[in-house]
Amino acid sequence: MTKKMFYPLMLLIFPLIGTILSDQVDWGILDFLIMGVILLFVGIAIAVVSQKIKHPRKRLFYNFVILLIFFLLWAELAVGIF
């Protein structure tokens, strides 16, 4: 695997800054841990798809499905849409 699979973890910088600077963002250590695990799995899944799938349309479709699942899971954990 490559280091690129860890790039999604850099998105955790935004809630960290929000937690430090504002009282409106209320993330605890468990929130960061859960989102870090989810982002790590997303990064690994996209890296595997990028390495294994050679056809550009199939790769785009699988990456779209991975990101759709991520956003649905994120929305469910954040506000409980289901």
Protein backbone atom coordinates (compact mmCIF):
# COMPACT_ATOMS: atom_id res chain seq x y z
CA MET A 1 0.00 0.00 0.00
CA THR A 2 0.99 3.59 -0.43
CA LYS A 3 0.97 6.61 1.81
CA LYS A 4 -1.94 8.01 -0.21
CA MET A 5 -4.38 5.88 1.76
CA PHE A 6 -3.66 8.04 4.82
CA TYR A 7 -4.49 11.33 3.05
CA PRO A 8 -8.21 11.26 4.03
CA LEU A 9 -7.12 11.42 7.68
CA MET A 10 -5.97 14.99 7.06
CA LEU A 11 -9.67 15.95 6.91
CA LEU A 12 -9.73 15.59 10.70
CA ILE A 13 -7.82 18.88 10.89
CA PHE A 14 -11.03 20.83 10.18
CA PRO A 15 -13.07 19.55 13.16
CA LEU A 16 -9.95 19.84 15.34
CA ILE A 17 -9.60 23.52 14.46
CA GLY A 18 -13.33 23.99 14.95
CA THR A 19 -13.21 22.31 18.36
CA ILE A 20 -10.29 24.49 19.45
CA LEU A 21 -11.66 27.80 18.17
CA SER A 22 -15.41 27.49 18.73
CA ASP A 23 -17.86 26.19 21.29
CA GLN A 24 -20.27 25.17 18.50
CA VAL A 25 -18.10 22.24 17.40
CA ASP A 26 -18.19 19.73 20.23
CA TRP A 27 -16.09 16.72 19.20
CA GLY A 28 -14.66 14.41 21.83
CA ILE A 29 -11.81 11.97 21.52
CA LEU A 30 -14.23 9.16 20.63
CA ASP A 31 -15.62 11.23 17.75
CA PHE A 32 -12.12 11.73 16.34
CA LEU A 33 -11.30 8.05 16.80
CA ILE A 34 -14.44 6.82 15.04
CA MET A 35 -14.09 9.26 12.16
CA GLY A 36 -10.39 8.42 11.88
CA VAL A 37 -11.17 4.72 11.54
CA ILE A 38 -13.88 5.42 8.95
CA LEU A 39 -11.59 7.71 6.95
CA LEU A 40 -8.79 5.17 7.12
CA PHE A 41 -11.08 2.47 5.71
CA VAL A 42 -12.20 4.86 2.95
CA GLY A 43 -8.57 5.60 2.08
CA ILE A 44 -7.66 1.91 2.01
CA ALA A 45 -10.71 1.05 -0.11
CA ILE A 46 -9.96 3.78 -2.65
CA ALA A 47 -6.29 2.74 -2.79
CA VAL A 48 -7.27 -0.90 -3.40
CA VAL A 49 -9.75 0.08 -6.11
CA SER A 50 -7.15 2.32 -7.75
CA GLN A 51 -4.61 -0.52 -7.83
CA LYS A 52 -6.88 -3.40 -8.81
CA ILE A 53 -9.37 -1.86 -11.25
CA LYS A 54 -7.79 -0.73 -14.51
CA HIS A 55 -10.87 0.34 -16.45
CA PRO A 56 -11.45 4.08 -15.76
CA ARG A 57 -15.27 3.94 -15.72
CA LYS A 58 -15.37 0.97 -13.35
CA ARG A 59 -12.81 2.65 -11.08
CA LEU A 60 -14.87 5.86 -11.06
CA PHE A 61 -18.05 3.89 -10.27
CA TYR A 62 -16.46 1.99 -7.39
CA ASN A 63 -14.92 5.14 -5.95
CA PHE A 64 -18.32 6.83 -6.19
CA VAL A 65 -19.94 3.93 -4.32
CA ILE A 66 -17.25 4.06 -1.61
CA LEU A 67 -17.75 7.81 -1.15
CA LEU A 68 -21.55 7.45 -1.18
CA ILE A 69 -21.38 4.84 1.58
CA PHE A 70 -19.00 7.10 3.53
CA PHE A 71 -21.31 10.12 3.27
CA LEU A 72 -24.40 8.09 4.23
CA LEU A 73 -22.58 6.64 7.23
CA TRP A 74 -21.30 10.09 8.21
CA ALA A 75 -24.78 11.61 7.97
CA GLU A 76 -26.25 8.76 10.04
CA LEU A 77 -23.66 9.14 12.76
CA ALA A 78 -23.95 12.94 12.77
CA VAL A 79 -27.71 13.47 12.84
CA GLY A 80 -29.41 10.09 12.46
CA ILE A 81 -31.14 10.51 9.10
CA PHE A 82 -32.40 6.92 8.95
